[in-house]
Amino acid sequence: MSDPLPDLVEWQQLYLIAQVPPEKRPLVMAEAAEWVMAGLRGAMHKRHPGWSQRELNLRVLAYVTPLRGVTVEELLSRWD
């Protein structure tokens, strides 16, 4: 009988991470996160060129992290 769940292991990613020494893995993960955030910022800027840098950064942050009890608009109005 086969397992109903798909294989969620990204073997190539696992292999690449295994090649990095343990003491350098946090830096590699931080650099990867920075790269993803820059890509999101670029895509959002292309769609919304009128947004300020601050609004763009807040919206990217809101996209990747849950905002509980506050909206991006509320955050933007707090520093106007």
Protein backbone atom coordinates (compact mmCIF):
# COMPACT_ATOMS: atom_id res chain seq x y z
CA MET A 1 0.00 0.00 0.00
CA SER A 2 1.42 3.39 -0.96
CA ASP A 3 1.66 6.36 1.37
CA PRO A 4 -1.18 8.82 0.63
CA LEU A 5 1.01 11.83 1.45
CA PRO A 6 3.33 13.15 -1.25
CA ASP A 7 7.06 13.11 -0.67
CA LEU A 8 7.61 16.54 0.84
CA VAL A 9 11.38 16.27 1.07
CA GLU A 10 13.22 18.47 -1.39
CA TRP A 11 16.19 16.18 -1.90
CA GLN A 12 18.21 18.62 -3.96
CA GLN A 13 17.73 21.35 -1.33
CA LEU A 14 18.62 18.90 1.43
CA TYR A 15 21.78 17.92 -0.45
CA LEU A 16 22.80 21.56 -0.94
CA ILE A 17 22.23 22.41 2.73
CA ALA A 18 24.25 19.37 3.78
CA GLN A 19 27.24 20.78 1.87
CA VAL A 20 27.25 23.95 4.03
CA PRO A 21 29.12 23.70 7.33
CA PRO A 22 26.72 23.85 10.32
CA GLU A 23 28.20 27.11 11.59
CA LYS A 24 27.45 28.84 8.25
CA ARG A 25 23.87 27.57 7.80
CA PRO A 26 22.19 30.47 9.68
CA LEU A 27 23.97 32.97 7.40
CA VAL A 28 22.95 31.03 4.29
CA MET A 29 19.33 30.94 5.49
CA ALA A 30 19.38 34.69 6.21
CA GLU A 31 20.80 35.41 2.76
CA ALA A 32 18.11 33.26 1.15
CA ALA A 33 15.39 35.09 3.09
CA GLU A 34 16.86 38.44 2.02
CA TRP A 35 16.87 37.31 -1.61
CA VAL A 36 13.20 36.27 -1.41
CA MET A 37 12.20 39.56 0.23
CA ALA A 38 14.03 41.53 -2.47
CA GLY A 39 12.19 39.57 -5.14
CA LEU A 40 8.84 40.28 -3.49
CA ARG A 41 9.72 43.97 -3.14
CA GLY A 42 10.63 44.14 -6.82
CA ALA A 43 7.42 42.42 -7.93
CA MET A 44 5.24 44.63 -5.72
CA HIS A 45 7.05 47.77 -6.87
CA LYS A 46 6.44 46.81 -10.48
CA ARG A 47 2.69 46.40 -9.79
CA HIS A 48 2.42 49.46 -7.54
CA PRO A 49 5.05 52.04 -8.57
CA GLY A 50 3.32 54.78 -6.55
CA TRP A 51 3.94 53.12 -3.19
CA SER A 52 6.61 54.73 -1.02
CA GLN A 53 9.59 52.65 0.07
CA ARG A 54 8.15 52.46 3.58
CA GLU A 55 4.75 51.29 2.33
CA LEU A 56 6.38 48.77 0.03
CA ASN A 57 8.49 47.33 2.87
CA LEU A 58 5.50 47.13 5.23
CA ARG A 59 3.37 45.39 2.62
CA VAL A 60 6.12 42.86 1.86
CA LEU A 61 6.54 42.21 5.58
CA ALA A 62 2.77 41.80 5.95
CA TYR A 63 2.78 39.37 3.03
CA VAL A 64 5.35 37.05 4.60
CA THR A 65 4.37 37.35 8.27
CA PRO A 66 0.96 37.32 9.92
CA LEU A 67 -0.22 40.68 11.22
CA ARG A 68 -2.55 40.13 14.13
CA GLY A 69 -4.91 42.88 15.14
CA VAL A 70 -3.38 45.55 12.92
CA THR A 71 -3.57 46.37 9.22
CA VAL A 72 -0.88 47.80 6.97
CA GLU A 73 -2.97 50.96 6.64
CA GLU A 74 -2.96 51.37 10.44
CA LEU A 75 0.81 50.96 10.54
CA LEU A 76 1.28 53.48 7.76
CA SER A 77 -0.95 56.03 9.49
CA ARG A 78 0.98 55.72 12.76
CA TRP A 79 4.14 57.20 11.20
CA ASP A 80 2.64 59.86 8.94
